[in-house]
Protein backbone atom coordinates (compact mmCIF):
# COMPACT_ATOMS: atom_id res chain seq x y z
CA MET A 1 0.00 0.00 0.00
CA LYS A 2 2.82 2.41 0.79
CA GLY A 3 4.30 2.21 -2.70
CA ARG A 4 0.93 2.58 -4.33
CA GLY A 5 0.12 5.70 -2.33
CA GLY A 6 3.41 7.30 -3.33
CA ARG A 7 2.70 6.78 -7.03
CA ARG A 8 -0.79 8.11 -6.64
CA CYS A 9 0.45 11.25 -4.88
CA PHE A 10 2.96 11.83 -7.69
CA TYR A 11 0.20 11.35 -10.25
CA ASP A 12 -2.06 13.81 -8.42
CA ILE A 13 0.67 16.47 -8.40
CA GLN A 14 1.40 15.91 -12.09
CA HIS A 15 -2.32 16.11 -12.82
CA LEU A 16 -2.65 19.41 -10.95
CA LEU A 17 0.39 20.85 -12.76
CA ARG A 18 -1.21 19.89 -16.08
CA ILE A 19 -4.44 21.65 -15.08
CA ILE A 20 -2.47 24.78 -14.11
CA TYR A 21 -0.69 24.66 -17.49
CA ILE A 22 -4.02 24.43 -19.32
CA LEU A 23 -5.54 27.30 -17.30
CA ARG A 24 -2.50 29.54 -17.88
CA TYR A 25 -2.47 29.01 -21.62
CA SER A 26 -6.24 29.34 -21.84
CA ALA A 27 -5.94 32.78 -20.23
CA ILE A 28 -3.10 33.70 -22.59
CA ASN A 29 -5.09 32.53 -25.60
CA THR A 30 -8.14 34.49 -24.45
CA VAL A 31 -6.12 37.71 -24.18
CA ALA A 32 -4.43 36.99 -27.52
CA ARG A 33 -7.73 36.52 -29.27
CA LYS A 34 -9.23 39.64 -27.70
CA LEU A 35 -6.26 41.81 -28.74
CA GLY A 36 -5.78 40.15 -32.12
CA LEU A 37 -2.26 38.95 -31.27
CA ASN A 38 -0.59 35.57 -31.22
CA THR A 39 0.34 33.88 -27.96
CA ALA A 40 4.06 34.67 -28.27
CA LYS A 41 3.33 38.40 -28.51
CA VAL A 42 0.99 38.26 -25.51
CA ILE A 43 3.65 36.49 -23.42
CA LYS A 44 6.26 39.01 -24.53
CA ARG A 45 3.99 41.97 -23.76
CA PHE A 46 2.38 40.84 -20.49
CA GLY A 47 4.65 38.01 -19.25
CA MET A 48 3.69 34.48 -18.25
CA ASP A 49 1.73 35.76 -15.24
CA LEU A 50 -0.26 38.23 -17.39
CA ILE A 51 0.64 41.47 -15.62
CA PHE A 52 -1.60 44.31 -16.79
CA ARG A 53 -0.32 47.84 -16.23
CA ASP A 54 -1.91 51.25 -16.73
CA HIS A 55 -0.40 54.22 -18.58
CA THR A 56 1.72 55.13 -15.54
CA ASN A 57 3.27 51.62 -15.54
CA GLU A 58 1.50 50.77 -12.27
CA ILE A 59 0.31 47.18 -11.96
CA LYS A 60 -3.49 47.05 -12.15
CA HIS A 61 -4.07 43.29 -12.45
CA LYS A 62 -1.87 40.24 -12.18
CA LEU A 63 -2.92 36.67 -12.77
CA ASN A 64 -0.98 34.47 -10.34
CA PHE A 65 -0.50 30.79 -11.05
CA PRO A 66 1.77 28.67 -8.87
CA ARG A 67 5.07 27.71 -10.52
CA SER A 68 5.29 24.53 -8.46
CA LEU A 69 3.29 22.69 -5.85
CA ALA A 70 6.02 22.62 -3.23
CA ASN A 71 3.91 24.48 -0.68
CA LYS A 72 0.77 22.53 -1.70
CA ARG A 73 -1.40 25.65 -1.58
CA MET A 74 -3.41 26.46 -4.67
CA ASN A 75 -3.42 30.26 -4.59
CA PHE A 76 -4.14 31.33 -8.11
CA HIS A 77 -6.49 34.25 -8.39
CA TRP A 78 -6.63 37.81 -9.65
CA LYS A 79 -4.86 40.33 -7.48
CA LYS A 80 -5.94 43.91 -7.87
CA SER A 81 -3.31 46.44 -6.90
CA SER A 82 -4.44 49.71 -5.39
């Protein structure tokens, strides 16, 4: 049972990382389609975390996705800077 549980845990983490990957690229594709750009240009312009800035270069919105699951907390949500 111990070996089986270890493999399952690894699979669960890999599955969650795949879901995060899909969500990140879905957001990038949505922005790309809205702005009429390709995904490479959106990543170059806004970064992988999709950081949106106003005309004064102040961060207005940032989409945070975890880079790894080391801390096992799923904190990906929109942060609005004030």
